[in-house]
Each structure stands twice: as structure tokens, then as C-alpha cells.
């Protein structure tokens, strides 16, 4: 039976793409199936498979894939690096999916820095580091292309110091380059948050509503830069995605797997089958990382911003009454309420980290990863009747919660627990 590939028309910040195909149309891998509106913030959408268009509606395009697929693709047509990046439908592949060309349309007048964000911040996820270890040249070439586009004087690869093999591979590849350097990051969450990276590399603490450009910097995810190299040098549209697939998988020897060039639009179910199949008794399926990922279903598609797929451990039975301490760097309120319900607990109080400031309908941390203390918030939740806490805090905040909550008789659960248990990782509690 032919497999269904689903392509949501909105996979990024900005407007959804406009369908360019019709029902029954025969298409080939790399063909444009939906386009960004002219003079709008959006991104083109290409098919990752050859086949026949089965459905076009206001939300998505569905394609029935041919049983035999080739790796060849329809090449991009534009001339010039920036136009190729825009045509390719490239978006940020490590976060919310901001269209890549949108960061590159305003060159620096003097100086300027482009930072390759290779922090691979979320626990479990490891496909970016694996790609660097395999071929650091792709990242470096992508960074060089962006440096030239925006006329920046310096490139920086920000990577956690603990990834020693990747760091060594980068050093070897950079030995003859003088305009690109490596900046080593500490091993903490959320070290990959954009403003945290800027703070560590430049020393500037940006306001919650500021972009890195205020610090004369542009930040781009490591895989995004690798796909920039493909778009410019190979004329390849964004049709494939690297993933970390992990958790409750059949067998115990491959709980974390790296998959390269998985075609966009493939179902979550098919990806897990490629990893050997799901084991019985998982609690939920998470798309993304343990901190900021979202619950998905087996028939949901892999999209441009998918970084990981995790089959989490079964939910632990929670207390009758629980309090939520929500951090801007982790799971949001809606996600925390979802987790509490799955634990069988009634939410009796909700508090936000004091540094979680509202910005355009969401929350951002004033100084990501640097916690001011959480005693007051824990006391508020205990007063509200909480018998335990469910938190989504970063490494530093979790440390401060653990230093006071247990003394108040409040057990602590973390939004990452199910994912981390599924791969036998240490839970986030008191971290060095």
C-alpha cells in the first residue's frame, strides 16, 4: 500500500504557504508544492517524495508516495546565495522556524558576527553533534556562505565543551581559517536559547524583546547552516531532516538513534518503525526535546522544525493535588496542565518563574539559565494546597527548587521525567 505523506501549509513563523498543486497531479521529489506569498514572511514548501497528490485543503497537502523512490530531486532555479536560501524554503531548524532568509536581508554596515548555534541544548537530542563529528565541513561552509551574505567580519561556532570529539573535528577543519572561531559553552539548559548564546559569546544580556542583531550578531542553528550549504552548493530545497529518535523502542541496545535525511511529511509511526518499532507501554509520543517538545500522535507528520521523536515512559501516578511552576525556558502552561492530567492530578495552583516575562503572547526569560531563586513561588504553591510540584525549570532553576521544596514537604516532578526515564538518563533535579 502506498504511504501517505502530509505537508502542513504552516510549518514556520509567518504566513502559511499557498498550494501550487491540485488533486490527482503527478509530482516528483523536490518539486514546489506550495509557495510563500510575495512580499510576505513565509517559506516555500517542496515535496520530499515522488507520487500523486491525494488531497489539497486549507491546512495541508497529502501525497501518496510511489513505492520506489529515488534520492534525486528537482534543483532550485535561483541565482545568488540569498535567493537560493529563500527559494529553498529554509527556516530555523532548531526552534520556532523563523524563515532563514529573513535574518539575512539586512547586512552589517561594519563588523558583525554570525554565531552557529551548535549547543544541542535539549537532553537526548544528539543529531547535530553527530553531523559535526561526521562532516564539520558542511557546517563551516554554511557559515561561510552566511558570513558573505551579511558582510560579517567574524563567525563563531558555539558548542558545549563536553562534546570533545566534535570540538576536535571542528578545530582540525578550521586550522587554516582566521575569521571563524570556536566558543565553548557550559553544559547546562537552556544554553542553546538564542539570547543565552549571545550572552555567552558576546557578554551582552539582551532585553526579552530584543533580537541578536542589537548585539551586532545573527544566530543560526547548526543544521540550518548545513542545509544552507545544500541549498547554495547543491541547489537542494529543504526536503529532508535529521532526527534523534529515542525512548521506548523494541530492544534495549538502541534507545537513542540518529537518523539522517528523513523525508519531510513522513508519519511519526513510520519513523518509529524505521527505528525498530515502538515497545509496549509507552506513556506519550513527544515531537521535539524533553523540555519544549509537544505531544503528538502516530499519524502526525514530520515537519521542518522536528528535531526529535521520543516515546516517553509511562506516566507516574501523581498526588491528588499538584502545583505547577512554569519556566519560560521549558514546557508552557498548557503542556504542564496536559502532563498533570495524565498523572491523574488536579492542578490547584500555577506560578511562573519570576524571570518569565510576557512578550507578544508568550513568555521569555530575562536571563536564560541564571536563576534568581524560587522559594517565594514554591511557598505560594504550597499555600494553594499543592501536595507536590510539577516544574519545567532550567538546570539552575531546578537546583533552587530542589533546595527548598523538599524542606517544605513537597515532592518534585519535572516535565522531562518521562522522556529521560525512557532512555535511562539521570533525572533533572539537583544538577552540578
Protein backbone atom coordinates (compact mmCIF):
# COMPACT_ATOMS: atom_id res chain seq x y z
CA UNK A 1 0.00 0.00 0.00
CA UNK A 2 1.28 3.46 -0.88
CA UNK A 3 2.31 5.57 2.11
CA UNK A 4 0.73 8.94 2.82
CA UNK A 5 2.97 11.96 3.30
CA UNK A 6 1.39 15.04 4.89
CA UNK A 7 2.71 18.55 4.38
CA UNK A 8 1.12 21.20 6.63
CA UNK A 9 1.00 24.57 4.86
CA UNK A 10 2.17 26.35 8.00
CA UNK A 11 5.42 24.98 9.40
CA UNK A 12 7.18 28.22 10.37
CA UNK A 13 6.78 31.70 11.77
CA UNK A 14 4.88 33.86 9.30
CA UNK A 15 2.12 33.17 6.83
CA UNK A 16 1.18 29.67 5.61
CA UNK A 17 2.26 28.64 2.13
CA UNK A 18 -0.18 28.72 -0.79
CA UNK A 19 -0.82 25.40 -2.62
CA UNK A 20 0.77 25.15 -6.07
CA UNK A 21 -0.58 21.68 -6.94
CA UNK A 22 -4.03 20.12 -7.40
CA UNK A 23 -5.65 16.79 -6.58
CA UNK A 24 -4.51 13.99 -8.84
CA UNK A 25 -1.37 15.76 -10.03
CA UNK A 26 1.74 13.62 -10.51
CA UNK A 27 4.76 15.17 -8.81
CA UNK A 28 8.44 14.40 -8.29
CA UNK A 29 10.77 14.78 -5.32
CA UNK A 30 11.95 18.36 -4.88
CA UNK A 31 9.01 19.89 -6.77
CA UNK A 32 7.43 23.05 -5.34
CA UNK A 33 4.01 22.17 -3.90
CA UNK A 34 3.23 25.41 -2.03
CA UNK A 35 4.75 28.88 -2.28
CA UNK A 36 5.23 31.86 0.00
CA UNK A 37 3.22 34.92 -0.87
CA UNK A 38 5.22 37.70 -2.48
CA UNK A 39 6.46 40.35 -0.02
CA UNK A 40 5.34 38.27 2.97
CA UNK A 41 7.16 36.44 5.73
CA UNK A 42 6.76 32.78 4.88
CA UNK A 43 8.51 29.81 3.30
CA UNK A 44 8.14 27.68 0.19
CA UNK A 45 7.22 24.03 0.59
CA UNK A 46 8.57 21.18 -1.54
CA UNK A 47 7.67 17.52 -1.74
CA UNK A 48 10.20 15.09 -0.30
CA UNK A 49 8.80 12.19 -2.33
CA UNK A 50 7.59 11.41 -5.81
CA UNK A 51 3.96 10.37 -6.16
CA UNK A 52 0.44 11.67 -6.67
CA UNK A 53 -1.34 14.49 -4.84
CA UNK A 54 -4.18 12.86 -2.92
CA UNK A 55 -5.64 15.90 -1.18
CA UNK A 56 -5.25 19.66 -1.02
CA UNK A 57 -7.11 21.56 1.69
CA UNK A 58 -6.71 24.77 3.68
CA UNK A 59 -4.35 23.12 6.17
CA UNK A 60 -2.23 20.61 4.30
CA UNK A 61 -1.26 18.77 1.14
CA UNK A 62 -1.37 14.97 1.20
CA UNK A 63 0.75 12.93 -1.20
CA UNK A 64 0.57 9.20 -1.94
CA UNK A 65 4.20 8.23 -2.45
CA UNK A 66 5.41 5.86 -5.14
CA UNK A 67 6.65 2.57 -3.75
CA UNK A 68 10.07 3.14 -5.32
CA UNK A 69 11.81 6.42 -4.51
CA UNK A 70 15.00 7.96 -5.84
CA UNK A 71 17.28 10.37 -3.97
CA UNK A 72 17.49 12.77 -6.91
CA UNK A 73 15.46 15.99 -6.66
CA UNK A 74 14.33 18.90 -8.79
CA UNK A 75 17.09 21.53 -8.40
CA UNK A 76 16.45 25.09 -7.31
CA UNK A 77 16.37 27.70 -10.06
CA UNK A 78 17.53 30.92 -8.40
CA UNK A 79 20.88 32.64 -8.82
CA UNK A 80 22.72 34.06 -5.84
CA UNK A 81 23.07 32.63 -2.35
CA UNK A 82 20.35 34.63 -0.60
CA UNK A 83 17.79 33.95 -3.33
CA UNK A 84 18.60 30.23 -3.20
CA UNK A 85 18.12 30.18 0.58
CA UNK A 86 14.75 31.89 0.20
CA UNK A 87 13.63 29.67 -2.67
CA UNK A 88 14.68 26.52 -0.77
CA UNK A 89 12.11 27.17 1.96
CA UNK A 90 14.77 27.16 4.66
CA UNK A 91 13.66 28.02 8.18
CA UNK A 92 15.34 27.76 11.55
CA UNK A 93 15.58 24.05 12.24
CA UNK A 94 16.28 24.27 15.96
CA UNK A 95 13.42 26.40 17.25
CA UNK A 96 10.25 28.13 16.11
CA UNK A 97 11.12 28.06 12.43
CA UNK A 98 11.84 31.68 11.54
CA UNK A 99 12.41 31.89 7.76
CA UNK A 100 16.19 31.83 7.29
CA UNK A 101 16.32 34.50 4.58
CA UNK A 102 14.55 36.89 6.96
CA UNK A 103 17.65 37.04 9.16
CA UNK A 104 19.95 37.76 6.24
CA UNK A 105 18.30 40.61 4.34
CA UNK A 106 19.98 43.39 6.34
CA UNK A 107 23.80 43.20 6.03
CA UNK A 108 26.04 44.61 8.75
CA UNK A 109 27.36 48.05 7.94
CA UNK A 110 30.58 47.38 9.84
CA UNK A 111 31.86 44.35 11.75
CA UNK A 112 29.13 41.96 12.76
CA UNK A 113 29.16 38.36 13.91
CA UNK A 114 27.34 35.22 12.79
CA UNK A 115 27.02 32.59 15.52
CA UNK A 116 26.46 28.95 14.62
CA UNK A 117 24.35 27.59 17.46
CA UNK A 118 25.65 24.05 17.94
CA UNK A 119 24.72 23.84 21.62
CA UNK A 120 22.25 20.96 21.03
CA UNK A 121 20.59 22.18 24.18
CA UNK A 122 17.82 19.66 24.86
CA UNK A 123 18.67 16.40 26.66
CA UNK A 124 18.61 13.24 24.49
CA UNK A 125 18.81 15.10 21.16
CA UNK A 126 22.19 14.49 19.54
CA UNK A 127 21.83 14.58 15.73
CA UNK A 128 23.52 17.99 15.33
CA UNK A 129 26.64 16.89 17.19
CA UNK A 130 26.71 13.63 15.24
CA UNK A 131 26.58 15.59 11.97
CA UNK A 132 29.52 17.76 13.05
CA UNK A 133 31.54 14.71 14.05
CA UNK A 134 30.81 13.12 10.67
CA UNK A 135 31.46 16.17 8.46
CA UNK A 136 32.29 19.52 10.09
CA UNK A 137 32.93 20.95 6.64
CA UNK A 138 29.19 21.27 5.87
CA UNK A 139 28.60 23.48 8.91
CA UNK A 140 31.67 25.57 8.24
CA UNK A 141 30.77 26.04 4.56
CA UNK A 142 27.22 27.07 5.50
CA UNK A 143 28.61 29.57 7.99
CA UNK A 144 30.98 30.97 5.36
CA UNK A 145 28.07 31.49 2.95
CA UNK A 146 26.10 33.43 5.57
CA UNK A 147 29.16 35.50 6.55
CA UNK A 148 29.50 36.59 2.95
CA UNK A 149 25.79 37.38 2.53
CA UNK A 150 25.61 39.68 5.58
CA UNK A 151 29.16 41.07 5.27
CA UNK A 152 30.04 39.93 8.79
CA UNK A 153 33.63 40.12 9.90
CA UNK A 154 33.59 37.11 12.22
CA UNK A 155 31.99 33.70 12.53
CA UNK A 156 31.67 31.83 15.83
CA UNK A 157 30.71 28.21 16.39
CA UNK A 158 29.14 27.96 19.86
CA UNK A 159 29.29 24.38 21.12
CA UNK A 160 29.26 22.74 24.54
CA UNK A 161 32.73 21.94 25.84
CA UNK A 162 31.66 18.39 26.72
CA UNK A 163 31.39 17.44 23.03
CA UNK A 164 35.12 16.87 22.80
CA UNK A 165 35.17 14.83 19.60
CA UNK A 166 33.04 17.35 17.71
CA UNK A 167 35.17 20.20 19.02
CA UNK A 168 38.34 18.46 17.88
CA UNK A 169 36.90 17.82 14.44
CA UNK A 170 35.99 21.49 14.14
CA UNK A 171 39.45 22.60 15.25
CA UNK A 172 41.05 20.41 12.59
CA UNK A 173 38.72 21.75 9.89
CA UNK A 174 39.29 25.37 10.93
CA UNK A 175 43.09 25.33 11.19
CA UNK A 176 43.58 27.43 8.03
CA UNK A 177 40.72 29.89 8.68
CA UNK A 178 41.18 33.11 10.60
CA UNK A 179 37.66 34.57 10.52
CA UNK A 180 35.90 31.67 12.28
CA UNK A 181 36.50 30.62 15.88
CA UNK A 182 35.03 28.18 18.39
CA UNK A 183 33.40 29.31 21.62
CA UNK A 184 32.97 26.62 24.28
CA UNK A 185 29.73 26.62 26.27
CA UNK A 186 28.98 25.17 29.72
CA UNK A 187 26.81 22.06 29.96
CA UNK A 188 23.51 23.45 31.21
CA UNK A 189 19.99 24.01 29.98
CA UNK A 190 18.97 26.30 28.21
CA UNK A 191 22.42 27.08 26.82
CA UNK A 192 21.03 26.85 23.28
CA UNK A 193 18.46 29.60 23.80
CA UNK A 194 19.30 32.39 21.36
CA UNK A 195 19.86 35.14 23.90
CA UNK A 196 21.82 32.77 26.16
CA UNK A 197 24.17 32.04 23.25
CA UNK A 198 24.60 35.76 22.57
CA UNK A 199 25.29 36.38 26.27
CA UNK A 200 27.94 33.67 26.45
CA UNK A 201 29.68 34.67 23.21
CA UNK A 202 29.47 38.48 23.37
CA UNK A 203 28.85 39.27 27.04
CA UNK A 204 25.66 41.17 26.17
CA UNK A 205 22.45 40.41 28.07
CA UNK A 206 19.70 41.30 25.61
CA UNK A 207 16.26 42.52 26.75
CA UNK A 208 13.49 39.91 26.42
CA UNK A 209 12.06 41.64 23.35
CA UNK A 210 15.40 42.18 21.58
CA UNK A 211 16.88 40.24 18.68
CA UNK A 212 20.58 39.29 18.45
CA UNK A 213 21.07 41.98 15.79
CA UNK A 214 21.04 44.52 18.63
CA UNK A 215 24.33 42.94 19.74
CA UNK A 216 25.66 43.01 16.15
CA UNK A 217 25.03 39.28 15.90
CA UNK A 218 22.99 36.78 13.91
CA UNK A 219 22.36 33.32 15.39
CA UNK A 220 21.62 30.31 13.19
CA UNK A 221 21.10 26.69 14.18
CA UNK A 222 23.78 24.19 13.15
CA UNK A 223 21.54 22.07 10.92
CA UNK A 224 20.11 25.20 9.32
CA UNK A 225 23.62 26.16 8.24
CA UNK A 226 24.23 22.66 6.86
CA UNK A 227 21.04 22.98 4.81
CA UNK A 228 22.22 26.43 3.65
CA UNK A 229 25.26 24.66 2.20
CA UNK A 230 22.99 22.21 0.39
CA UNK A 231 20.73 24.95 -0.98
CA UNK A 232 23.61 27.05 -2.32
CA UNK A 233 26.12 24.40 -3.42
CA UNK A 234 23.76 21.57 -4.40
CA UNK A 235 20.64 23.60 -5.23
CA UNK A 236 18.68 21.31 -2.94
CA UNK A 237 15.40 22.51 -1.41
CA UNK A 238 14.55 21.75 2.21
CA UNK A 239 13.01 18.30 1.82
CA UNK A 240 14.93 16.18 4.34
CA UNK A 241 15.53 16.45 8.08
CA UNK A 242 17.98 14.91 10.55
CA UNK A 243 16.32 13.48 13.66
CA UNK A 244 17.03 11.92 17.02
CA UNK A 245 14.61 9.04 17.64
CA UNK A 246 14.58 7.70 21.18
CA UNK A 247 12.77 6.16 24.10
CA UNK A 248 10.60 3.06 24.41
CA UNK A 249 11.86 1.21 21.36
CA UNK A 250 11.93 -2.54 20.81
CA UNK A 251 15.15 -3.93 22.22
CA UNK A 252 17.30 -2.26 24.86
CA UNK A 253 20.51 -1.65 22.92
CA UNK A 254 19.40 1.32 20.76
CA UNK A 255 17.36 3.59 22.98
CA UNK A 256 18.74 6.67 21.18
CA UNK A 257 19.14 6.59 17.41
CA UNK A 258 20.26 9.20 14.88
CA UNK A 259 18.52 9.28 11.52
CA UNK A 260 19.88 11.32 8.63
CA UNK A 261 17.86 12.86 5.80
CA UNK A 262 14.43 11.64 6.81
CA UNK A 263 11.92 12.91 4.21
CA UNK A 264 9.59 15.64 5.43
CA UNK A 265 5.94 14.66 5.61
CA UNK A 266 6.61 11.08 6.71
CA UNK A 267 4.43 9.89 9.59
CA UNK A 268 5.63 9.60 13.16
CA UNK A 269 4.61 5.94 13.02
CA UNK A 270 6.81 5.22 10.01
CA UNK A 271 9.82 6.87 11.65
CA UNK A 272 9.46 4.74 14.77
CA UNK A 273 9.16 1.67 12.56
CA UNK A 274 12.45 2.66 10.91
CA UNK A 275 13.95 2.72 14.41
CA UNK A 276 12.84 -0.86 15.07
CA UNK A 277 9.31 -0.24 16.30
CA UNK A 278 7.70 1.02 19.49
CA UNK A 279 7.87 -1.09 22.62
CA UNK A 280 4.70 -1.72 24.58
CA UNK A 281 3.68 0.54 27.40
CA UNK A 282 4.86 3.99 26.44
CA UNK A 283 3.19 6.99 28.03
CA UNK A 284 3.21 9.57 25.22
CA UNK A 285 4.99 10.45 21.99
CA UNK A 286 6.93 13.72 22.03
CA UNK A 287 7.96 15.69 18.97
CA UNK A 288 10.98 17.80 19.89
CA UNK A 289 13.03 17.63 23.06
CA UNK A 290 12.03 16.71 26.64
CA UNK A 291 11.78 20.37 27.75
CA UNK A 292 9.89 22.05 24.92
CA UNK A 293 8.53 19.19 22.84
CA UNK A 294 4.82 18.65 22.20
CA UNK A 295 2.66 15.54 22.42
CA UNK A 296 1.89 14.05 19.01
CA UNK A 297 0.02 11.10 17.54
CA UNK A 298 1.28 8.26 15.33
CA UNK A 299 -0.24 9.70 12.17
CA UNK A 300 1.21 13.20 12.65
CA UNK A 301 3.85 14.21 10.07
CA UNK A 302 7.50 15.15 10.47
CA UNK A 303 7.80 18.87 9.68
CA UNK A 304 10.64 21.29 9.09
CA UNK A 305 11.15 22.07 12.77
CA UNK A 306 11.04 18.45 14.01
CA UNK A 307 14.27 17.74 15.86
CA UNK A 308 13.37 14.64 17.78
CA UNK A 309 10.77 11.94 18.31
CA UNK A 310 10.66 10.40 21.78
CA UNK A 311 8.49 7.59 23.10
CA UNK A 312 8.33 8.51 26.77
CA UNK A 313 7.97 6.21 29.78
CA UNK A 314 4.54 5.57 31.25
CA UNK A 315 3.20 8.37 33.44
CA UNK A 316 3.81 8.06 37.15
CA UNK A 317 0.78 8.34 39.40
CA UNK A 318 0.78 11.87 40.78
CA UNK A 319 -0.65 13.27 44.00
CA UNK A 320 -4.29 14.28 44.28
CA UNK A 321 -3.35 17.99 44.23
CA UNK A 322 -0.37 19.42 42.39
CA UNK A 323 1.13 22.85 41.81
CA UNK A 324 2.72 23.94 38.54
CA UNK A 325 5.86 26.05 38.43
CA UNK A 326 6.22 27.19 34.83
CA UNK A 327 9.55 28.34 33.40
CA UNK A 328 9.89 30.37 30.19
CA UNK A 329 12.70 28.04 29.11
CA UNK A 330 10.70 24.81 29.35
CA UNK A 331 7.21 23.43 28.89
CA UNK A 332 4.50 26.10 28.84
CA UNK A 333 1.35 26.20 30.96
CA UNK A 334 -0.79 24.23 28.51
CA UNK A 335 1.80 21.48 28.25
CA UNK A 336 2.18 21.33 32.04
CA UNK A 337 -1.59 21.05 32.51
CA UNK A 338 -1.61 18.23 29.95
CA UNK A 339 1.09 16.38 31.89
CA UNK A 340 -0.67 16.91 35.22
CA UNK A 341 -3.89 15.48 33.78
CA UNK A 342 -2.02 12.43 32.51
CA UNK A 343 -0.61 11.93 36.01
CA UNK A 344 -4.15 11.99 37.41
CA UNK A 345 -3.51 15.13 39.45
CA UNK A 346 -5.71 18.18 39.99
CA UNK A 347 -3.92 21.49 39.44
CA UNK A 348 -4.53 23.71 42.47
CA UNK A 349 -2.01 26.45 41.75
CA UNK A 350 0.07 27.85 38.90
CA UNK A 351 3.13 30.03 39.37
CA UNK A 352 5.65 31.40 36.90
CA UNK A 353 9.37 31.82 37.41
CA UNK A 354 9.91 35.46 38.37
CA UNK A 355 12.11 35.95 35.29
CA UNK A 356 9.43 34.69 32.86
CA UNK A 357 8.20 37.90 31.24
CA UNK A 358 5.30 38.12 28.79
CA UNK A 359 6.31 39.08 25.25
CA UNK A 360 3.73 39.08 22.43
CA UNK A 361 1.58 36.36 23.90
CA UNK A 362 4.41 34.11 25.05
CA UNK A 363 6.96 34.17 27.86
CA UNK A 364 10.69 34.71 27.69
CA UNK A 365 13.31 34.52 30.42
CA UNK A 366 15.11 37.72 31.39
CA UNK A 367 18.43 35.91 31.73
CA UNK A 368 18.17 32.29 30.49
CA UNK A 369 19.86 29.76 32.74
CA UNK A 370 20.66 32.22 35.54
CA UNK A 371 18.09 31.67 38.30
CA UNK A 372 17.20 34.31 40.93
CA UNK A 373 15.71 31.77 43.36
CA UNK A 374 12.30 30.11 43.60
CA UNK A 375 11.49 29.98 47.33
CA UNK A 376 8.65 32.52 47.11
CA UNK A 377 6.98 30.70 44.22
CA UNK A 378 7.25 27.31 45.97
CA UNK A 379 5.67 28.82 49.11
CA UNK A 380 2.81 30.21 47.02
CA UNK A 381 2.03 26.79 45.58
CA UNK A 382 2.20 25.07 48.97
CA UNK A 383 -0.19 27.69 50.36
CA UNK A 384 -2.56 26.95 47.45
CA UNK A 385 -2.79 23.36 48.68
CA UNK A 386 -0.26 21.63 46.45
CA UNK A 387 0.92 18.25 47.74
CA UNK A 388 3.73 18.16 45.18
CA UNK A 389 5.20 20.28 42.38
CA UNK A 390 5.42 19.73 38.65
CA UNK A 391 8.11 22.01 37.23
CA UNK A 392 9.51 22.87 33.80
CA UNK A 393 12.54 24.74 35.07
CA UNK A 394 16.01 25.05 33.57
CA UNK A 395 19.06 23.49 35.20
CA UNK A 396 19.74 26.40 37.55
CA UNK A 397 16.08 26.92 38.49
CA UNK A 398 15.66 23.20 39.18
CA UNK A 399 18.57 23.37 41.59
CA UNK A 400 16.93 26.20 43.52
CA UNK A 401 13.55 24.45 43.60
CA UNK A 402 15.13 21.29 44.96
CA UNK A 403 16.94 23.29 47.65
CA UNK A 404 13.65 24.42 49.19
CA UNK A 405 10.70 22.28 48.03
CA UNK A 406 11.73 19.10 49.85
CA UNK A 407 12.23 21.05 53.07
CA UNK A 408 8.60 22.14 52.73
CA UNK A 409 7.49 18.54 52.27
CA UNK A 410 6.79 18.88 48.55
CA UNK A 411 8.00 16.12 46.20
CA UNK A 412 9.09 17.41 42.79
CA UNK A 413 8.23 16.09 39.34
CA UNK A 414 9.81 17.54 36.18
CA UNK A 415 8.29 17.87 32.69
CA UNK A 416 11.25 15.91 31.30
CA UNK A 417 10.87 12.88 33.59
CA UNK A 418 9.02 10.57 31.21
CA UNK A 419 11.43 11.16 28.32
CA UNK A 420 14.56 10.83 30.45
CA UNK A 421 13.36 7.67 32.18
CA UNK A 422 12.70 6.09 28.78
CA UNK A 423 16.40 6.33 27.86
CA UNK A 424 17.77 5.65 31.36
CA UNK A 425 19.13 9.19 31.77
CA UNK A 426 19.63 10.92 35.11
CA UNK A 427 16.55 12.97 36.03
CA UNK A 428 16.79 16.74 36.29
CA UNK A 429 16.84 17.52 39.99
CA UNK A 430 20.00 18.79 41.69
CA UNK A 431 22.48 19.25 38.86
CA UNK A 432 26.13 20.20 39.17
